[in-house]
Amino acid sequence: MTSRQWDHLLLNCGIWQGSFDTFDRDLELRRRQPSQLTLAGDGAAVELELLFWPDAFDGQRQGDPVKRIVQSFHQVDPELAFFSTGSFSRGSLFISTWSRPYAEFGFLWRDRRHRMVLLWDGSGRFDHPVLICEHRDGVDADEAPPLTAEQLLGGWRGHQTVLERDRPVEDPHITPHELLISKDMLHGLQWLPDGGAFRAPDHVCAGSGFEIEAWWCPCPGRLERIQRCYDAFGSWIASRHVLLQR
């Protein structure tokens, strides 16, 4: 019998075309590398192949791949937390002095995926984000327009799923969720292309709890939000996924 986490992982199987876009701290695009991710699953294992082509700001492939990464999965890594939509979160389980914290957020909707990786340096200072926008091979899927505060303001309704460190991952806490978004709630959000946004501390370290979060609005009237929560000791304690509609 497969686990719920494994079943949610399998929702991501397929061939995904896209690019890895590296931004600086000021969210200026510094690098774009076309990519192809293949996730093939047979129920017992998932085979991953990730191909990279030479950098190209227009996103077009030139020549043959310059890098290939191959991995095989037989279970979901402890750093990963999947949700019923196929969306997921991954990141550092413990943040200590001179570690290089990271957080990855992956959203899945229909034939599109929106992933972002947030990176901190060895001193705990936020370094830069990487955005990965993907669509299924053979499917035309335009990116969403840039997200604005005006799109988010007002009432939303849906449900929240919480995966906690001290609770079995196969027993998530799921509750109805209503959210009234005001301008104050959006303070500190940083906007990314393809309807994305994130909010992250400028500096992370043990001593005070903090949250890292990502938002994605793939189309009008649909909003996903994922949060990673850490305690004052720098330990991951929970991941929250909220799926909302107008």
C-alpha atoms as a PDB file:
ATOM      1  CA  MET A   1       0.000   0.000   0.000  1.00  0.00           C
ATOM      2  CA  THR A   2       1.400   3.405  -0.979  1.00  0.00           C
ATOM      3  CA  SER A   3       1.397   6.368   1.378  1.00  0.00           C
ATOM      4  CA  ARG A   4      -0.492   9.595   0.863  1.00  0.00           C
ATOM      5  CA  GLN A   5       2.795  11.461   0.552  1.00  0.00           C
ATOM      6  CA  TRP A   6       3.918   9.096  -2.213  1.00  0.00           C
ATOM      7  CA  ASP A   7       0.594   9.448  -4.033  1.00  0.00           C
ATOM      8  CA  HIS A   8       0.886  13.238  -3.892  1.00  0.00           C
ATOM      9  CA  LEU A   9       4.434  13.004  -5.280  1.00  0.00           C
ATOM     10  CA  LEU A  10       3.192  10.927  -8.218  1.00  0.00           C
ATOM     11  CA  LEU A  11       0.902  13.793  -9.275  1.00  0.00           C
ATOM     12  CA  ASN A  12       4.085  15.549 -10.422  1.00  0.00           C
ATOM     13  CA  CYS A  13       5.132  12.774 -12.815  1.00  0.00           C
ATOM     14  CA  GLY A  14       5.607  13.721 -16.452  1.00  0.00           C
ATOM     15  CA  ILE A  15       7.959  15.694 -18.662  1.00  0.00           C
ATOM     16  CA  TRP A  16       8.250  19.350 -17.676  1.00  0.00           C
ATOM     17  CA  GLN A  17       9.739  22.046 -19.918  1.00  0.00           C
ATOM     18  CA  GLY A  18      10.899  25.298 -18.358  1.00  0.00           C
ATOM     19  CA  SER A  19      13.863  27.278 -17.129  1.00  0.00           C
ATOM     20  CA  PHE A  20      15.780  28.077 -13.948  1.00  0.00           C
ATOM     21  CA  ASP A  21      15.741  31.869 -13.508  1.00  0.00           C
ATOM     22  CA  THR A  22      18.258  33.231 -11.006  1.00  0.00           C
ATOM     23  CA  PHE A  23      17.521  36.661  -9.538  1.00  0.00           C
ATOM     24  CA  ASP A  24      19.673  38.855  -7.331  1.00  0.00           C
ATOM     25  CA  ARG A  25      18.586  40.299  -3.979  1.00  0.00           C
ATOM     26  CA  ASP A  26      16.908  43.196  -5.791  1.00  0.00           C
ATOM     27  CA  LEU A  27      14.946  40.723  -7.942  1.00  0.00           C
ATOM     28  CA  GLU A  28      16.806  41.587 -11.129  1.00  0.00           C
ATOM     29  CA  LEU A  29      17.120  38.604 -13.471  1.00  0.00           C
ATOM     30  CA  ARG A  30      20.773  37.543 -13.686  1.00  0.00           C
ATOM     31  CA  ARG A  31      20.615  34.148 -15.347  1.00  0.00           C
ATOM     32  CA  ARG A  32      18.151  31.969 -17.258  1.00  0.00           C
ATOM     33  CA  GLN A  33      18.961  28.342 -18.012  1.00  0.00           C
ATOM     34  CA  PRO A  34      16.464  26.291 -20.080  1.00  0.00           C
ATOM     35  CA  SER A  35      15.634  22.939 -18.515  1.00  0.00           C
ATOM     36  CA  GLN A  36      13.690  19.720 -18.924  1.00  0.00           C
ATOM     37  CA  LEU A  37      12.615  17.674 -15.917  1.00  0.00           C
ATOM     38  CA  THR A  38      11.366  14.115 -16.354  1.00  0.00           C
ATOM     39  CA  LEU A  39       9.686  12.361 -13.425  1.00  0.00           C
ATOM     40  CA  ALA A  40       8.693   8.785 -14.249  1.00  0.00           C
ATOM     41  CA  GLY A  41       6.955   6.676 -11.614  1.00  0.00           C
ATOM     42  CA  ASP A  42       5.761   3.071 -11.611  1.00  0.00           C
ATOM     43  CA  GLY A  43       4.331   3.016  -8.105  1.00  0.00           C
ATOM     44  CA  ALA A  44       7.446   1.598  -6.443  1.00  0.00           C
ATOM     45  CA  ALA A  45      10.025   4.154  -7.580  1.00  0.00           C
ATOM     46  CA  VAL A  46      10.280   7.559  -9.210  1.00  0.00           C
ATOM     47  CA  GLU A  47      13.113   8.168 -11.649  1.00  0.00           C
ATOM     48  CA  LEU A  48      14.260  11.767 -12.066  1.00  0.00           C
ATOM     49  CA  GLU A  49      16.224  13.175 -14.984  1.00  0.00           C
ATOM     50  CA  LEU A  50      16.994  16.893 -15.116  1.00  0.00           C
ATOM     51  CA  LEU A  51      18.625  18.367 -18.217  1.00  0.00           C
ATOM     52  CA  PHE A  52      20.102  21.854 -18.542  1.00  0.00           C
ATOM     53  CA  TRP A  53      20.935  23.770 -21.719  1.00  0.00           C
ATOM     54  CA  PRO A  54      23.290  26.755 -22.111  1.00  0.00           C
ATOM     55  CA  ASP A  55      22.116  30.034 -20.575  1.00  0.00           C
ATOM     56  CA  ALA A  56      19.683  31.936 -22.766  1.00  0.00           C
ATOM     57  CA  PHE A  57      17.684  34.951 -21.625  1.00  0.00           C
ATOM     58  CA  ASP A  58      15.060  34.225 -24.279  1.00  0.00           C
ATOM     59  CA  GLY A  59      14.552  30.770 -22.762  1.00  0.00           C
ATOM     60  CA  GLN A  60      15.306  28.995 -26.052  1.00  0.00           C
ATOM     61  CA  ARG A  61      17.431  25.850 -26.109  1.00  0.00           C
ATOM     62  CA  GLN A  62      20.679  26.022 -28.006  1.00  0.00           C
ATOM     63  CA  GLY A  63      22.505  22.851 -28.953  1.00  0.00           C
ATOM     64  CA  ASP A  64      22.753  19.841 -26.674  1.00  0.00           C
ATOM     65  CA  PRO A  65      22.264  19.729 -22.904  1.00  0.00           C
ATOM     66  CA  VAL A  66      25.324  20.811 -20.924  1.00  0.00           C
ATOM     67  CA  LYS A  67      24.361  19.131 -17.653  1.00  0.00           C
ATOM     68  CA  ARG A  68      22.403  16.033 -16.640  1.00  0.00           C
ATOM     69  CA  ILE A  69      21.237  15.045 -13.150  1.00  0.00           C
ATOM     70  CA  VAL A  70      19.769  11.593 -12.489  1.00  0.00           C
ATOM     71  CA  GLN A  71      18.194  10.405  -9.239  1.00  0.00           C
ATOM     72  CA  SER A  72      15.956   7.564  -8.087  1.00  0.00           C
ATOM     73  CA  PHE A  73      13.412   7.800  -5.255  1.00  0.00           C
ATOM     74  CA  HIS A  74      11.769   4.952  -3.383  1.00  0.00           C
ATOM     75  CA  GLN A  75      10.297   7.047  -0.590  1.00  0.00           C
ATOM     76  CA  VAL A  76       9.608  10.698   0.163  1.00  0.00           C
ATOM     77  CA  ASP A  77      12.600  12.474   1.688  1.00  0.00           C
ATOM     78  CA  PRO A  78      12.041  13.748   5.265  1.00  0.00           C
ATOM     79  CA  GLU A  79      12.776  17.295   4.086  1.00  0.00           C
ATOM     80  CA  LEU A  80       9.814  17.094   1.680  1.00  0.00           C
ATOM     81  CA  ALA A  81       6.171  17.709   2.542  1.00  0.00           C
ATOM     82  CA  PHE A  82       3.561  17.059  -0.170  1.00  0.00           C
ATOM     83  CA  PHE A  83      -0.052  18.207  -0.189  1.00  0.00           C
ATOM     84  CA  SER A  84      -3.175  16.823  -1.863  1.00  0.00           C
ATOM     85  CA  THR A  85      -2.837  19.123  -4.904  1.00  0.00           C
ATOM     86  CA  GLY A  86       0.661  17.809  -5.640  1.00  0.00           C
ATOM     87  CA  SER A  87       2.155  21.057  -4.357  1.00  0.00           C
ATOM     88  CA  PHE A  88       5.030  20.661  -1.931  1.00  0.00           C
ATOM     89  CA  SER A  89       7.575  22.288   0.340  1.00  0.00           C
ATOM     90  CA  ARG A  90      11.147  21.326   1.100  1.00  0.00           C
ATOM     91  CA  GLY A  91      13.874  22.971   3.134  1.00  0.00           C
ATOM     92  CA  SER A  92      16.358  22.921   5.957  1.00  0.00           C
ATOM     93  CA  LEU A  93      15.097  20.918   8.937  1.00  0.00           C
ATOM     94  CA  PHE A  94      17.494  22.668  11.300  1.00  0.00           C
ATOM     95  CA  ILE A  95      19.241  26.017  10.955  1.00  0.00           C
ATOM     96  CA  SER A  96      22.480  26.516  12.859  1.00  0.00           C
ATOM     97  CA  THR A  97      25.409  28.920  12.829  1.00  0.00           C
ATOM     98  CA  TRP A  98      27.185  28.957   9.454  1.00  0.00           C
ATOM     99  CA  SER A  99      24.707  26.600   7.839  1.00  0.00           C
ATOM    100  CA  ARG A 100      23.337  27.629   4.454  1.00  0.00           C
ATOM    101  CA  PRO A 101      19.556  27.562   4.897  1.00  0.00           C
ATOM    102  CA  TYR A 102      17.244  27.031   1.957  1.00  0.00           C
ATOM    103  CA  ALA A 103      13.541  26.667   1.299  1.00  0.00           C
ATOM    104  CA  GLU A 104      11.855  25.339  -1.826  1.00  0.00           C
ATOM    105  CA  PHE A 105       8.185  25.733  -2.667  1.00  0.00           C
ATOM    106  CA  GLY A 106       6.531  23.890  -5.543  1.00  0.00           C
ATOM    107  CA  PHE A 107       3.015  24.549  -6.802  1.00  0.00           C
ATOM    108  CA  LEU A 108       1.170  22.290  -9.254  1.00  0.00           C
ATOM    109  CA  TRP A 109      -1.991  23.203 -11.140  1.00  0.00           C
ATOM    110  CA  ARG A 110      -3.221  21.404 -14.250  1.00  0.00           C
ATOM    111  CA  ASP A 111      -0.307  21.383 -16.738  1.00  0.00           C
ATOM    112  CA  ARG A 112       1.819  23.963 -14.974  1.00  0.00           C
ATOM    113  CA  ARG A 113       4.285  24.013 -12.114  1.00  0.00           C
ATOM    114  CA  HIS A 114       5.625  27.092 -10.333  1.00  0.00           C
ATOM    115  CA  ARG A 115       8.638  26.471  -8.125  1.00  0.00           C
ATOM    116  CA  MET A 116      10.858  28.830  -6.199  1.00  0.00           C
ATOM    117  CA  VAL A 117      14.017  28.197  -4.213  1.00  0.00           C
ATOM    118  CA  LEU A 118      15.063  30.750  -1.583  1.00  0.00           C
ATOM    119  CA  LEU A 119      18.713  30.728  -0.517  1.00  0.00           C
ATOM    120  CA  TRP A 120      20.600  32.227   2.433  1.00  0.00           C
ATOM    121  CA  ASP A 121      24.374  32.510   2.819  1.00  0.00           C
ATOM    122  CA  GLY A 122      26.559  31.054   5.568  1.00  0.00           C
ATOM    123  CA  SER A 123      25.931  34.021   7.872  1.00  0.00           C
ATOM    124  CA  GLY A 124      22.161  33.553   7.636  1.00  0.00           C
ATOM    125  CA  ARG A 125      21.661  36.566   5.337  1.00  0.00           C
ATOM    126  CA  PHE A 126      19.151  36.190   2.537  1.00  0.00           C
ATOM    127  CA  ASP A 127      21.049  35.761  -0.718  1.00  0.00           C
ATOM    128  CA  HIS A 128      18.731  35.314  -3.690  1.00  0.00           C
ATOM    129  CA  PRO A 129      15.728  33.462  -5.141  1.00  0.00           C
ATOM    130  CA  VAL A 130      15.570  31.052  -8.066  1.00  0.00           C
ATOM    131  CA  LEU A 131      12.283  30.753  -9.967  1.00  0.00           C
ATOM    132  CA  ILE A 132      11.437  27.658 -12.027  1.00  0.00           C
ATOM    133  CA  CYS A 133       8.360  27.973 -14.249  1.00  0.00           C
ATOM    134  CA  GLU A 134       7.405  24.744 -16.032  1.00  0.00           C
ATOM    135  CA  HIS A 135       4.699  23.282 -18.241  1.00  0.00           C
ATOM    136  CA  ARG A 136       4.017  19.754 -19.396  1.00  0.00           C
ATOM    137  CA  ASP A 137       5.732  18.728 -22.603  1.00  0.00           C
ATOM    138  CA  GLY A 138       3.478  19.187 -25.615  1.00  0.00           C
ATOM    139  CA  VAL A 139       1.078  21.541 -23.837  1.00  0.00           C
ATOM    140  CA  ASP A 140       0.869  25.261 -24.536  1.00  0.00           C
ATOM    141  CA  ALA A 141       0.660  26.955 -21.152  1.00  0.00           C
ATOM    142  CA  ASP A 142       1.270  30.675 -20.845  1.00  0.00           C
ATOM    143  CA  GLU A 143       2.678  32.100 -17.648  1.00  0.00           C
ATOM    144  CA  ALA A 144       0.342  34.010 -15.377  1.00  0.00           C
ATOM    145  CA  PRO A 145       0.693  37.811 -15.321  1.00  0.00           C
ATOM    146  CA  PRO A 146       2.679  39.369 -12.474  1.00  0.00           C
ATOM    147  CA  LEU A 147       0.778  39.342  -9.209  1.00  0.00           C
ATOM    148  CA  THR A 148      -0.400  42.633  -7.687  1.00  0.00           C
ATOM    149  CA  ALA A 149      -1.783  43.556  -4.287  1.00  0.00           C
ATOM    150  CA  GLU A 150      -5.096  44.545  -5.854  1.00  0.00           C
ATOM    151  CA  GLN A 151      -5.621  40.982  -7.114  1.00  0.00           C
ATOM    152  CA  LEU A 152      -5.316  39.596  -3.603  1.00  0.00           C
ATOM    153  CA  LEU A 153      -7.347  42.054  -1.542  1.00  0.00           C
ATOM    154  CA  GLY A 154     -10.677  40.880  -0.189  1.00  0.00           C
ATOM    155  CA  GLY A 155     -12.210  37.619   0.921  1.00  0.00           C
ATOM    156  CA  TRP A 156     -11.053  34.102   0.070  1.00  0.00           C
ATOM    157  CA  ARG A 157     -12.377  30.717   1.149  1.00  0.00           C
ATOM    158  CA  GLY A 158     -10.938  27.200   1.068  1.00  0.00           C
ATOM    159  CA  HIS A 159      -9.070  24.839   3.350  1.00  0.00           C
ATOM    160  CA  GLN A 160      -5.784  24.609   5.217  1.00  0.00           C
ATOM    161  CA  THR A 161      -3.559  21.544   5.618  1.00  0.00           C
ATOM    162  CA  VAL A 162      -0.896  21.475   8.326  1.00  0.00           C
ATOM    163  CA  LEU A 163       1.922  18.925   8.486  1.00  0.00           C
ATOM    164  CA  GLU A 164       3.626  19.061  11.868  1.00  0.00           C
ATOM    165  CA  ARG A 165       6.971  17.762  13.094  1.00  0.00           C
ATOM    166  CA  ASP A 166       5.383  15.981  16.060  1.00  0.00           C
ATOM    167  CA  ARG A 167       2.415  14.553  14.142  1.00  0.00           C
ATOM    168  CA  PRO A 168       2.522  11.582  11.718  1.00  0.00           C
ATOM    169  CA  VAL A 169       2.896  12.886   8.172  1.00  0.00           C
ATOM    170  CA  GLU A 170       0.088  10.555   7.063  1.00  0.00           C
ATOM    171  CA  ASP A 171      -2.271  12.282   9.515  1.00  0.00           C
ATOM    172  CA  PRO A 172      -2.335  15.951   8.447  1.00  0.00           C
ATOM    173  CA  HIS A 173      -4.541  18.476  10.208  1.00  0.00           C
ATOM    174  CA  ILE A 174      -7.086  19.725   7.624  1.00  0.00           C
ATOM    175  CA  THR A 175      -9.577  22.494   8.411  1.00  0.00           C
ATOM    176  CA  PRO A 176     -11.839  24.926   6.512  1.00  0.00           C
ATOM    177  CA  HIS A 177     -10.138  28.260   6.077  1.00  0.00           C
ATOM    178  CA  GLU A 178     -11.368  31.773   5.354  1.00  0.00           C
ATOM    179  CA  LEU A 179      -9.026  34.671   4.744  1.00  0.00           C
ATOM    180  CA  LEU A 180      -9.736  38.379   4.423  1.00  0.00           C
ATOM    181  CA  ILE A 181      -6.647  39.911   2.857  1.00  0.00           C
ATOM    182  CA  SER A 182      -5.865  43.524   3.689  1.00  0.00           C
ATOM    183  CA  LYS A 183      -2.976  45.704   2.568  1.00  0.00           C
ATOM    184  CA  ASP A 184      -1.300  45.244   5.946  1.00  0.00           C
ATOM    185  CA  MET A 185      -1.236  41.453   5.426  1.00  0.00           C
ATOM    186  CA  LEU A 186       0.754  41.923   2.231  1.00  0.00           C
ATOM    187  CA  HIS A 187       3.538  43.928   3.854  1.00  0.00           C
ATOM    188  CA  GLY A 188       6.917  42.425   3.035  1.00  0.00           C
ATOM    189  CA  LEU A 189       5.732  40.309   0.103  1.00  0.00           C
ATOM    190  CA  GLN A 190       8.111  40.324  -2.847  1.00  0.00           C
ATOM    191  CA  TRP A 191       6.626  39.790  -6.273  1.00  0.00           C
ATOM    192  CA  LEU A 192       7.938  37.358  -8.886  1.00  0.00           C
ATOM    193  CA  PRO A 193       6.875  36.635 -12.476  1.00  0.00           C
ATOM    194  CA  ASP A 194       4.172  34.055 -13.261  1.00  0.00           C
ATOM    195  CA  GLY A 195       1.820  35.163 -10.491  1.00  0.00           C
ATOM    196  CA  GLY A 196       4.249  34.365  -7.690  1.00  0.00           C
ATOM    197  CA  ALA A 197       5.329  36.047  -4.471  1.00  0.00           C
ATOM    198  CA  PHE A 198       7.329  35.219  -1.371  1.00  0.00           C
ATOM    199  CA  ARG A 199       8.040  36.589   2.079  1.00  0.00           C
ATOM    200  CA  ALA A 200      11.245  35.653   3.855  1.00  0.00           C
ATOM    201  CA  PRO A 201      13.385  37.019   6.690  1.00  0.00           C
ATOM    202  CA  ASP A 202      16.415  39.068   5.658  1.00  0.00           C
ATOM    203  CA  HIS A 203      18.363  37.100   8.241  1.00  0.00           C
ATOM    204  CA  VAL A 204      17.643  33.713   9.816  1.00  0.00           C
ATOM    205  CA  CYS A 205      19.255  32.389  12.970  1.00  0.00           C
ATOM    206  CA  ALA A 206      18.407  30.530  16.142  1.00  0.00           C
ATOM    207  CA  GLY A 207      16.981  32.652  18.936  1.00  0.00           C
ATOM    208  CA  SER A 208      13.597  33.617  17.557  1.00  0.00           C
ATOM    209  CA  GLY A 209      10.958  31.759  15.598  1.00  0.00           C
ATOM    210  CA  PHE A 210      10.222  32.730  12.006  1.00  0.00           C
ATOM    211  CA  GLU A 211       8.219  31.771   8.924  1.00  0.00           C
ATOM    212  CA  ILE A 212       9.075  31.532   5.239  1.00  0.00           C
ATOM    213  CA  GLU A 213       6.222  31.571   2.754  1.00  0.00           C
ATOM    214  CA  ALA A 214       5.381  31.492  -0.938  1.00  0.00           C
ATOM    215  CA  TRP A 215       2.216  32.434  -2.844  1.00  0.00           C
ATOM    216  CA  TRP A 216       0.990  31.509  -6.307  1.00  0.00           C
ATOM    217  CA  CYS A 217      -2.023  32.817  -8.207  1.00  0.00           C
ATOM    218  CA  PRO A 218      -2.091  30.791 -11.470  1.00  0.00           C
ATOM    219  CA  CYS A 219      -5.395  32.307 -12.612  1.00  0.00           C
ATOM    220  CA  PRO A 220      -7.956  34.811 -11.320  1.00  0.00           C
ATOM    221  CA  GLY A 221      -9.859  33.443  -8.355  1.00  0.00           C
ATOM    222  CA  ARG A 222      -7.376  30.744  -7.292  1.00  0.00           C
ATOM    223  CA  LEU A 223      -4.649  31.255  -4.698  1.00  0.00           C
ATOM    224  CA  GLU A 224      -2.208  28.870  -3.020  1.00  0.00           C
ATOM    225  CA  ARG A 225       0.015  29.703  -0.085  1.00  0.00           C
ATOM    226  CA  ILE A 226       2.665  27.523   1.586  1.00  0.00           C
ATOM    227  CA  GLN A 227       4.473  28.387   4.817  1.00  0.00           C
ATOM    228  CA  ARG A 228       7.447  26.787   6.545  1.00  0.00           C
ATOM    229  CA  CYS A 229       7.514  27.472  10.299  1.00  0.00           C
ATOM    230  CA  TYR A 230      10.582  27.358  12.568  1.00  0.00           C
ATOM    231  CA  ASP A 231      10.899  27.604  16.343  1.00  0.00           C
ATOM    232  CA  ALA A 232      13.347  29.683  18.388  1.00  0.00           C
ATOM    233  CA  PHE A 233      15.947  26.896  18.184  1.00  0.00           C
ATOM    234  CA  GLY A 234      16.011  27.002  14.380  1.00  0.00           C
ATOM    235  CA  SER A 235      14.123  23.719  14.008  1.00  0.00           C
ATOM    236  CA  TRP A 236      11.388  23.186  11.448  1.00  0.00           C
ATOM    237  CA  ILE A 237       8.094  22.570  13.264  1.00  0.00           C
ATOM    238  CA  ALA A 238       5.390  22.665  10.570  1.00  0.00           C
ATOM    239  CA  SER A 239       4.452  23.291   6.949  1.00  0.00           C
ATOM    240  CA  ARG A 240       1.102  24.866   6.110  1.00  0.00           C
ATOM    241  CA  HIS A 241      -0.681  24.737   2.766  1.00  0.00           C
ATOM    242  CA  VAL A 242      -3.697  26.917   2.081  1.00  0.00           C
ATOM    243  CA  LEU A 243      -5.800  26.509  -1.070  1.00  0.00           C
ATOM    244  CA  LEU A 244      -8.257  29.372  -1.580  1.00  0.00           C
ATOM    245  CA  GLN A 245     -10.849  30.512  -4.089  1.00  0.00           C
ATOM    246  CA  ARG A 246     -13.006  33.591  -4.432  1.00  0.00           C
END
